[in-house]
Amino acid sequence: MNVRLILLAVALTIIASPESLEGQSTTYQLADDSSMETGCTGPSMCLCPAVLVGDVSGTFDLTPVPLSLGPVFEYDVTNVDWIVNAGSADEVSVTGSGYYMVNFGSGNHDLVLELQLGGLTQEFVTAGFIPGASDFPDQLGFSVHSMVSVCIYDGFVIQAAPIGTDPMFDRGDCNADENFDVADPVAALFWLFTPSTSFPPCADACDANDDGAFDISDAIYALAALFSGGTLPPAPFGGCGVDPTMDGVSCFEFLPCL
């Protein structure tokens, strides 16, 4: 059997993106080093340095919105429930919502939050953070600023991590169609060698040999398992489960297990 011909035939029949469904929300907890600051945007005629307002604690939720699978993923940000300087006399409650968009092809992202602080509503937007593929969504960091006047801003510098269990996935099912077949190594090669779509929604599922890296060896491993009597992928395989090994490969959306 000519595996190269099989790969070519399957590749020609792949439609760009399977249907994406709305996912479950994930609650994120702010890390201890999250803070609020105020100051001047630069370059600026305003001669005022950034001033720390106080530490920020609390949670917020991220929920995937229905989008086609690909390099761009969008999330609703809801239930923002933060406190600045918790327990102090000048404690400020922060609530609100917004959206978060990540483009893993270009490395860009966009976060917009509409927050209520002490009875005032301000819109905060991202400034200068690009999430790493191995960190998102296991860890999330961003800086958001809101213009108060011509050059004065309020800002939050946030680090957060999700609360709850590790994501569930089915190893080897790289294209998340609930089957382990030749389409999976084809999908792996597509993710690896198509620059504009350089990261799969669940790299853990594509890490067929569970060596802690998603690379061409995973496509070779899957082809051997399918056509040459090679070893089947390690757990979790054949159904939804969590990764029993600790590594740098992440999974931020595996639709069949949501």
C-alpha atoms as a PDB file:
ATOM      1  CA  MET A   1       0.000   0.000   0.000  1.00  0.00           C
ATOM      2  CA  ASN A   2       1.411   3.361  -1.029  1.00  0.00           C
ATOM      3  CA  VAL A   3       1.058   5.602   2.021  1.00  0.00           C
ATOM      4  CA  ARG A   4       2.160   8.663   0.040  1.00  0.00           C
ATOM      5  CA  LEU A   5      -0.719   8.208  -2.408  1.00  0.00           C
ATOM      6  CA  ILE A   6      -3.162   7.712   0.450  1.00  0.00           C
ATOM      7  CA  LEU A   7      -1.981  10.915   2.096  1.00  0.00           C
ATOM      8  CA  LEU A   8      -2.332  12.840  -1.166  1.00  0.00           C
ATOM      9  CA  ALA A   9      -5.820  11.503  -1.806  1.00  0.00           C
ATOM     10  CA  VAL A  10      -7.014  12.338   1.691  1.00  0.00           C
ATOM     11  CA  ALA A  11      -5.376  15.754   1.664  1.00  0.00           C
ATOM     12  CA  LEU A  12      -7.244  16.659  -1.525  1.00  0.00           C
ATOM     13  CA  THR A  13     -10.582  15.800   0.090  1.00  0.00           C
ATOM     14  CA  ILE A  14     -10.096  17.686   3.378  1.00  0.00           C
ATOM     15  CA  ILE A  15     -12.443  20.622   3.843  1.00  0.00           C
ATOM     16  CA  ALA A  16     -10.787  23.509   5.617  1.00  0.00           C
ATOM     17  CA  SER A  17     -12.448  23.311   9.017  1.00  0.00           C
ATOM     18  CA  PRO A  18     -14.899  20.969  10.748  1.00  0.00           C
ATOM     19  CA  GLU A  19     -17.865  22.517  12.506  1.00  0.00           C
ATOM     20  CA  SER A  20     -17.096  24.037  15.869  1.00  0.00           C
ATOM     21  CA  LEU A  21     -19.550  23.954  18.768  1.00  0.00           C
ATOM     22  CA  GLU A  22     -19.945  26.237  21.729  1.00  0.00           C
ATOM     23  CA  GLY A  23     -17.784  25.010  24.585  1.00  0.00           C
ATOM     24  CA  GLN A  24     -18.101  25.027  28.320  1.00  0.00           C
ATOM     25  CA  SER A  25     -16.854  27.985  30.299  1.00  0.00           C
ATOM     26  CA  THR A  26     -13.594  27.857  32.226  1.00  0.00           C
ATOM     27  CA  THR A  27     -13.076  29.903  35.376  1.00  0.00           C
ATOM     28  CA  TYR A  28      -9.691  31.629  35.732  1.00  0.00           C
ATOM     29  CA  GLN A  29      -8.161  32.701  39.047  1.00  0.00           C
ATOM     30  CA  LEU A  30      -5.945  35.801  39.123  1.00  0.00           C
ATOM     31  CA  ALA A  31      -2.386  35.184  40.314  1.00  0.00           C
ATOM     32  CA  ASP A  32      -0.936  37.005  43.315  1.00  0.00           C
ATOM     33  CA  ASP A  33       1.193  39.331  41.172  1.00  0.00           C
ATOM     34  CA  SER A  34      -1.802  40.821  39.311  1.00  0.00           C
ATOM     35  CA  SER A  35      -2.118  44.560  39.829  1.00  0.00           C
ATOM     36  CA  MET A  36      -3.798  47.801  38.831  1.00  0.00           C
ATOM     37  CA  GLU A  37      -1.812  50.890  37.903  1.00  0.00           C
ATOM     38  CA  THR A  38      -2.386  54.395  36.622  1.00  0.00           C
ATOM     39  CA  GLY A  39      -0.099  56.735  34.701  1.00  0.00           C
ATOM     40  CA  CYS A  40       0.678  58.198  31.298  1.00  0.00           C
ATOM     41  CA  THR A  41       0.749  56.675  27.869  1.00  0.00           C
ATOM     42  CA  GLY A  42       4.016  57.183  26.068  1.00  0.00           C
ATOM     43  CA  PRO A  43       5.316  59.047  24.227  1.00  0.00           C
ATOM     44  CA  SER A  44       3.313  61.780  25.902  1.00  0.00           C
ATOM     45  CA  MET A  45       3.417  65.422  26.957  1.00  0.00           C
ATOM     46  CA  CYS A  46       2.186  64.292  30.376  1.00  0.00           C
ATOM     47  CA  LEU A  47       5.123  63.885  32.737  1.00  0.00           C
ATOM     48  CA  CYS A  48       3.682  61.306  35.130  1.00  0.00           C
ATOM     49  CA  PRO A  49       5.131  57.871  35.781  1.00  0.00           C
ATOM     50  CA  ALA A  50       3.093  54.693  36.182  1.00  0.00           C
ATOM     51  CA  VAL A  51       1.838  54.448  39.756  1.00  0.00           C
ATOM     52  CA  LEU A  52       0.756  51.210  41.410  1.00  0.00           C
ATOM     53  CA  VAL A  53      -2.847  51.462  42.572  1.00  0.00           C
ATOM     54  CA  GLY A  54      -2.923  48.073  44.266  1.00  0.00           C
ATOM     55  CA  ASP A  55      -3.041  44.318  44.006  1.00  0.00           C
ATOM     56  CA  VAL A  56      -5.958  42.694  42.206  1.00  0.00           C
ATOM     57  CA  SER A  57      -7.581  39.387  43.135  1.00  0.00           C
ATOM     58  CA  GLY A  58     -10.603  37.515  41.830  1.00  0.00           C
ATOM     59  CA  THR A  59     -11.885  35.401  38.944  1.00  0.00           C
ATOM     60  CA  PHE A  60     -13.389  35.582  35.464  1.00  0.00           C
ATOM     61  CA  ASP A  61     -14.793  33.086  32.963  1.00  0.00           C
ATOM     62  CA  LEU A  62     -13.760  32.281  29.384  1.00  0.00           C
ATOM     63  CA  THR A  63     -16.260  30.555  27.079  1.00  0.00           C
ATOM     64  CA  PRO A  64     -15.425  29.519  23.472  1.00  0.00           C
ATOM     65  CA  VAL A  65     -17.868  30.995  20.953  1.00  0.00           C
ATOM     66  CA  PRO A  66     -18.999  28.956  17.923  1.00  0.00           C
ATOM     67  CA  LEU A  67     -16.245  29.443  15.311  1.00  0.00           C
ATOM     68  CA  SER A  68     -14.670  27.263  12.653  1.00  0.00           C
ATOM     69  CA  LEU A  69     -11.582  25.434  13.829  1.00  0.00           C
ATOM     70  CA  GLY A  70      -8.445  27.110  12.594  1.00  0.00           C
ATOM     71  CA  PRO A  71      -5.812  29.548  13.793  1.00  0.00           C
ATOM     72  CA  VAL A  72      -8.350  32.051  15.187  1.00  0.00           C
ATOM     73  CA  PHE A  73     -10.233  31.320  18.402  1.00  0.00           C
ATOM     74  CA  GLU A  74     -12.662  33.696  20.112  1.00  0.00           C
ATOM     75  CA  TYR A  75     -13.910  33.591  23.704  1.00  0.00           C
ATOM     76  CA  ASP A  76     -16.555  35.468  25.651  1.00  0.00           C
ATOM     77  CA  VAL A  77     -15.178  36.944  28.874  1.00  0.00           C
ATOM     78  CA  THR A  78     -17.875  36.954  31.543  1.00  0.00           C
ATOM     79  CA  ASN A  79     -18.376  37.167  35.285  1.00  0.00           C
ATOM     80  CA  VAL A  80     -15.391  39.421  35.926  1.00  0.00           C
ATOM     81  CA  ASP A  81     -15.310  39.630  39.729  1.00  0.00           C
ATOM     82  CA  TRP A  82     -12.163  41.394  40.955  1.00  0.00           C
ATOM     83  CA  ILE A  83     -11.185  43.386  44.019  1.00  0.00           C
ATOM     84  CA  VAL A  84      -8.403  45.969  44.110  1.00  0.00           C
ATOM     85  CA  ASN A  85      -6.617  46.176  47.493  1.00  0.00           C
ATOM     86  CA  ALA A  86      -8.851  43.571  49.102  1.00  0.00           C
ATOM     87  CA  GLY A  87      -9.538  44.219  52.778  1.00  0.00           C
ATOM     88  CA  SER A  88      -8.211  47.794  52.757  1.00  0.00           C
ATOM     89  CA  ALA A  89     -10.083  51.016  53.394  1.00  0.00           C
ATOM     90  CA  ASP A  90      -9.877  51.978  49.710  1.00  0.00           C
ATOM     91  CA  GLU A  91     -11.049  48.587  48.391  1.00  0.00           C
ATOM     92  CA  VAL A  92     -12.552  48.820  44.874  1.00  0.00           C
ATOM     93  CA  SER A  93     -14.889  46.266  43.300  1.00  0.00           C
ATOM     94  CA  VAL A  94     -14.359  45.520  39.590  1.00  0.00           C
ATOM     95  CA  THR A  95     -17.031  43.741  37.526  1.00  0.00           C
ATOM     96  CA  GLY A  96     -17.762  43.401  33.834  1.00  0.00           C
ATOM     97  CA  SER A  97     -17.367  41.347  30.676  1.00  0.00           C
ATOM     98  CA  GLY A  98     -15.825  41.409  27.191  1.00  0.00           C
ATOM     99  CA  TYR A  99     -14.199  39.199  24.572  1.00  0.00           C
ATOM    100  CA  TYR A 100     -10.811  37.602  23.937  1.00  0.00           C
ATOM    101  CA  MET A 101      -9.509  36.555  20.501  1.00  0.00           C
ATOM    102  CA  VAL A 102      -6.302  34.622  19.754  1.00  0.00           C
ATOM    103  CA  ASN A 103      -4.805  34.148  16.277  1.00  0.00           C
ATOM    104  CA  PHE A 104      -2.268  31.339  16.569  1.00  0.00           C
ATOM    105  CA  GLY A 105      -1.289  31.770  12.922  1.00  0.00           C
ATOM    106  CA  SER A 106      -0.042  35.346  13.305  1.00  0.00           C
ATOM    107  CA  GLY A 107       0.639  35.285  17.055  1.00  0.00           C
ATOM    108  CA  ASN A 108      -1.684  38.266  17.610  1.00  0.00           C
ATOM    109  CA  HIS A 109      -4.469  38.596  20.119  1.00  0.00           C
ATOM    110  CA  ASP A 110      -7.137  41.058  21.151  1.00  0.00           C
ATOM    111  CA  LEU A 111      -8.789  41.499  24.533  1.00  0.00           C
ATOM    112  CA  VAL A 112     -11.533  44.031  25.183  1.00  0.00           C
ATOM    113  CA  LEU A 113     -13.090  44.417  28.635  1.00  0.00           C
ATOM    114  CA  GLU A 114     -15.910  46.715  29.703  1.00  0.00           C
ATOM    115  CA  LEU A 115     -15.398  47.091  33.431  1.00  0.00           C
ATOM    116  CA  GLN A 116     -17.274  48.891  36.178  1.00  0.00           C
ATOM    117  CA  LEU A 117     -14.993  50.394  38.845  1.00  0.00           C
ATOM    118  CA  GLY A 118     -16.593  52.187  41.774  1.00  0.00           C
ATOM    119  CA  GLY A 119     -19.691  53.068  39.757  1.00  0.00           C
ATOM    120  CA  LEU A 120     -17.789  54.171  36.630  1.00  0.00           C
ATOM    121  CA  THR A 121     -17.690  52.184  33.360  1.00  0.00           C
ATOM    122  CA  GLN A 122     -14.435  52.064  31.359  1.00  0.00           C
ATOM    123  CA  GLU A 123     -13.353  50.103  28.298  1.00  0.00           C
ATOM    124  CA  PHE A 124      -9.965  48.387  28.621  1.00  0.00           C
ATOM    125  CA  VAL A 125      -7.995  46.989  25.668  1.00  0.00           C
ATOM    126  CA  THR A 126      -4.876  44.850  25.395  1.00  0.00           C
ATOM    127  CA  ALA A 127      -1.391  46.271  25.271  1.00  0.00           C
ATOM    128  CA  GLY A 128       1.730  44.374  24.318  1.00  0.00           C
ATOM    129  CA  PHE A 129       1.132  40.717  25.184  1.00  0.00           C
ATOM    130  CA  ILE A 130       1.292  37.732  22.827  1.00  0.00           C
ATOM    131  CA  PRO A 131       0.266  34.408  24.376  1.00  0.00           C
ATOM    132  CA  GLY A 132       2.565  31.424  23.852  1.00  0.00           C
ATOM    133  CA  ALA A 133       1.141  28.258  22.332  1.00  0.00           C
ATOM    134  CA  SER A 134       2.332  26.135  25.237  1.00  0.00           C
ATOM    135  CA  ASP A 135       0.941  28.549  27.863  1.00  0.00           C
ATOM    136  CA  PHE A 136      -2.561  29.320  26.640  1.00  0.00           C
ATOM    137  CA  PRO A 137      -4.995  28.392  28.084  1.00  0.00           C
ATOM    138  CA  ASP A 138      -3.057  26.770  30.962  1.00  0.00           C
ATOM    139  CA  GLN A 139      -1.837  30.242  31.833  1.00  0.00           C
ATOM    140  CA  LEU A 140      -3.097  33.597  30.633  1.00  0.00           C
ATOM    141  CA  GLY A 141      -1.378  36.965  30.897  1.00  0.00           C
ATOM    142  CA  PHE A 142      -2.355  40.355  29.592  1.00  0.00           C
ATOM    143  CA  SER A 143      -2.076  44.079  30.145  1.00  0.00           C
ATOM    144  CA  VAL A 144      -5.137  46.239  29.478  1.00  0.00           C
ATOM    145  CA  HIS A 145      -5.341  50.026  29.442  1.00  0.00           C
ATOM    146  CA  SER A 146      -8.231  52.485  29.467  1.00  0.00           C
ATOM    147  CA  MET A 147      -7.826  56.130  28.503  1.00  0.00           C
ATOM    148  CA  VAL A 148      -9.060  58.417  31.277  1.00  0.00           C
ATOM    149  CA  SER A 149      -8.071  61.717  29.599  1.00  0.00           C
ATOM    150  CA  VAL A 150      -5.871  62.762  26.667  1.00  0.00           C
ATOM    151  CA  CYS A 151      -2.838  60.951  28.013  1.00  0.00           C
ATOM    152  CA  ILE A 152      -3.749  59.490  31.414  1.00  0.00           C
ATOM    153  CA  TYR A 153      -4.659  55.813  31.646  1.00  0.00           C
ATOM    154  CA  ASP A 154      -5.865  53.222  34.098  1.00  0.00           C
ATOM    155  CA  GLY A 155      -4.483  49.749  33.569  1.00  0.00           C
ATOM    156  CA  PHE A 156      -4.501  46.160  34.787  1.00  0.00           C
ATOM    157  CA  VAL A 157      -1.532  43.804  34.559  1.00  0.00           C
ATOM    158  CA  ILE A 158      -2.986  40.336  34.946  1.00  0.00           C
ATOM    159  CA  GLN A 159      -1.720  36.773  35.239  1.00  0.00           C
ATOM    160  CA  ALA A 160      -4.291  33.985  35.594  1.00  0.00           C
ATOM    161  CA  ALA A 161      -4.663  30.221  35.504  1.00  0.00           C
ATOM    162  CA  PRO A 162      -7.787  28.080  35.075  1.00  0.00           C
ATOM    163  CA  ILE A 163      -9.541  26.489  38.014  1.00  0.00           C
ATOM    164  CA  GLY A 164     -10.602  22.870  37.568  1.00  0.00           C
ATOM    165  CA  THR A 165      -9.461  19.617  35.992  1.00  0.00           C
ATOM    166  CA  ASP A 166      -7.041  19.104  33.130  1.00  0.00           C
ATOM    167  CA  PRO A 167      -8.609  19.146  29.636  1.00  0.00           C
ATOM    168  CA  MET A 168      -9.854  15.839  28.266  1.00  0.00           C
ATOM    169  CA  PHE A 169      -8.921  14.555  24.812  1.00  0.00           C
ATOM    170  CA  ASP A 170      -8.439  11.372  22.740  1.00  0.00           C
ATOM    171  CA  ARG A 171      -4.785  10.836  21.784  1.00  0.00           C
ATOM    172  CA  GLY A 172      -4.172  10.256  18.088  1.00  0.00           C
ATOM    173  CA  ASP A 173      -7.453  11.883  17.027  1.00  0.00           C
ATOM    174  CA  CYS A 174      -5.631  14.929  15.696  1.00  0.00           C
ATOM    175  CA  ASN A 175      -8.540  16.222  13.605  1.00  0.00           C
ATOM    176  CA  ALA A 176     -11.056  15.656  16.440  1.00  0.00           C
ATOM    177  CA  ASP A 177     -13.542  13.673  14.331  1.00  0.00           C
ATOM    178  CA  GLU A 178     -13.836  10.866  16.922  1.00  0.00           C
ATOM    179  CA  ASN A 179     -11.939   8.384  14.709  1.00  0.00           C
ATOM    180  CA  PHE A 180      -8.315   7.284  14.543  1.00  0.00           C
ATOM    181  CA  ASP A 181      -7.562   6.912  10.841  1.00  0.00           C
ATOM    182  CA  VAL A 182      -5.345   8.219   8.044  1.00  0.00           C
ATOM    183  CA  ALA A 183      -6.985  11.648   8.253  1.00  0.00           C
ATOM    184  CA  ASP A 184      -5.240  12.198  11.600  1.00  0.00           C
ATOM    185  CA  PRO A 185      -1.605  12.078  10.379  1.00  0.00           C
ATOM    186  CA  VAL A 186      -2.723  14.145   7.396  1.00  0.00           C
ATOM    187  CA  ALA A 187      -4.149  16.728   9.818  1.00  0.00           C
ATOM    188  CA  ALA A 188      -0.906  16.625  11.826  1.00  0.00           C
ATOM    189  CA  LEU A 189       1.159  17.339   8.699  1.00  0.00           C
ATOM    190  CA  PHE A 190      -1.257  20.146   7.795  1.00  0.00           C
ATOM    191  CA  TRP A 191      -0.811  21.790  11.201  1.00  0.00           C
ATOM    192  CA  LEU A 192       2.967  21.324  11.121  1.00  0.00           C
ATOM    193  CA  PHE A 193       3.679  22.589   7.616  1.00  0.00           C
ATOM    194  CA  THR A 194       0.979  25.186   6.874  1.00  0.00           C
ATOM    195  CA  PRO A 195       2.388  28.473   8.251  1.00  0.00           C
ATOM    196  CA  SER A 196      -0.949  30.282   8.664  1.00  0.00           C
ATOM    197  CA  THR A 197      -2.384  27.446  10.781  1.00  0.00           C
ATOM    198  CA  SER A 198       0.643  26.471  12.808  1.00  0.00           C
ATOM    199  CA  PHE A 199      -1.081  25.301  15.992  1.00  0.00           C
ATOM    200  CA  PRO A 200      -3.835  22.662  16.341  1.00  0.00           C
ATOM    201  CA  PRO A 201      -6.679  23.245  18.806  1.00  0.00           C
ATOM    202  CA  CYS A 202      -5.415  20.258  20.836  1.00  0.00           C
ATOM    203  CA  ALA A 203      -1.718  19.539  20.374  1.00  0.00           C
ATOM    204  CA  ASP A 204      -1.976  16.796  23.013  1.00  0.00           C
ATOM    205  CA  ALA A 205      -4.295  14.824  20.724  1.00  0.00           C
ATOM    206  CA  CYS A 206      -1.774  15.216  17.893  1.00  0.00           C
ATOM    207  CA  ASP A 207       1.142  14.091  20.102  1.00  0.00           C
ATOM    208  CA  ALA A 208       0.463  10.492  19.044  1.00  0.00           C
ATOM    209  CA  ASN A 209       3.641   9.030  20.557  1.00  0.00           C
ATOM    210  CA  ASP A 210       3.325  11.040  23.812  1.00  0.00           C
ATOM    211  CA  ASP A 211       6.972  12.153  23.766  1.00  0.00           C
ATOM    212  CA  GLY A 212       6.108  15.636  25.030  1.00  0.00           C
ATOM    213  CA  ALA A 213       6.391  17.347  21.634  1.00  0.00           C
ATOM    214  CA  PHE A 214       4.154  17.740  18.596  1.00  0.00           C
ATOM    215  CA  ASP A 215       6.342  17.157  15.507  1.00  0.00           C
ATOM    216  CA  ILE A 216       6.669  15.015  12.384  1.00  0.00           C
ATOM    217  CA  SER A 217       7.492  11.938  14.476  1.00  0.00           C
ATOM    218  CA  ASP A 218       3.840  11.905  15.574  1.00  0.00           C
ATOM    219  CA  ALA A 219       2.570  11.613  11.989  1.00  0.00           C
ATOM    220  CA  ILE A 220       5.092   8.824  11.348  1.00  0.00           C
ATOM    221  CA  TYR A 221       4.035   7.058  14.566  1.00  0.00           C
ATOM    222  CA  ALA A 222       0.342   7.270  13.629  1.00  0.00           C
ATOM    223  CA  LEU A 223       0.988   5.945  10.105  1.00  0.00           C
ATOM    224  CA  ALA A 224       2.959   3.038  11.518  1.00  0.00           C
ATOM    225  CA  ALA A 225       0.144   2.230  13.968  1.00  0.00           C
ATOM    226  CA  LEU A 226      -2.423   2.350  11.169  1.00  0.00           C
ATOM    227  CA  PHE A 227      -0.588   0.535   8.354  1.00  0.00           C
ATOM    228  CA  SER A 228       2.496  -1.283   9.657  1.00  0.00           C
ATOM    229  CA  GLY A 229       1.366  -2.971  12.855  1.00  0.00           C
ATOM    230  CA  GLY A 230       2.963  -0.309  15.027  1.00  0.00           C
ATOM    231  CA  THR A 231       2.019   0.426  18.615  1.00  0.00           C
ATOM    232  CA  LEU A 232      -1.247   2.285  19.143  1.00  0.00           C
ATOM    233  CA  PRO A 233      -1.074   5.709  20.819  1.00  0.00           C
ATOM    234  CA  PRO A 234      -0.699   5.728  24.636  1.00  0.00           C
ATOM    235  CA  ALA A 235      -3.519   6.771  26.976  1.00  0.00           C
ATOM    236  CA  PRO A 236      -5.827   8.471  26.693  1.00  0.00           C
ATOM    237  CA  PHE A 237      -6.642   6.573  23.487  1.00  0.00           C
ATOM    238  CA  GLY A 238      -9.974   5.303  22.195  1.00  0.00           C
ATOM    239  CA  GLY A 239     -11.997   7.719  24.332  1.00  0.00           C
ATOM    240  CA  CYS A 240     -11.846  10.922  26.355  1.00  0.00           C
ATOM    241  CA  GLY A 241      -9.342  11.165  29.177  1.00  0.00           C
ATOM    242  CA  VAL A 242      -6.721  13.412  30.755  1.00  0.00           C
ATOM    243  CA  ASP A 243      -3.008  13.281  29.962  1.00  0.00           C
ATOM    244  CA  PRO A 244      -1.269  11.036  32.528  1.00  0.00           C
ATOM    245  CA  THR A 245       2.127  12.565  31.706  1.00  0.00           C
ATOM    246  CA  MET A 246       3.342  16.076  32.501  1.00  0.00           C
ATOM    247  CA  ASP A 247       4.818  17.842  29.472  1.00  0.00           C
ATOM    248  CA  GLY A 248       4.806  21.128  27.597  1.00  0.00           C
ATOM    249  CA  VAL A 249       2.131  20.094  25.082  1.00  0.00           C
ATOM    250  CA  SER A 250      -1.235  21.739  25.726  1.00  0.00           C
ATOM    251  CA  CYS A 251      -4.857  21.202  24.764  1.00  0.00           C
ATOM    252  CA  PHE A 252      -7.203  24.176  24.811  1.00  0.00           C
ATOM    253  CA  GLU A 253     -10.150  22.770  22.855  1.00  0.00           C
ATOM    254  CA  PHE A 254     -11.064  19.174  21.982  1.00  0.00           C
ATOM    255  CA  LEU A 255     -14.698  19.382  20.931  1.00  0.00           C
ATOM    256  CA  PRO A 256     -15.699  15.688  21.251  1.00  0.00           C
ATOM    257  CA  CYS A 257     -14.789  15.800  24.950  1.00  0.00           C
ATOM    258  CA  LEU A 258     -16.516  19.059  25.845  1.00  0.00           C
END
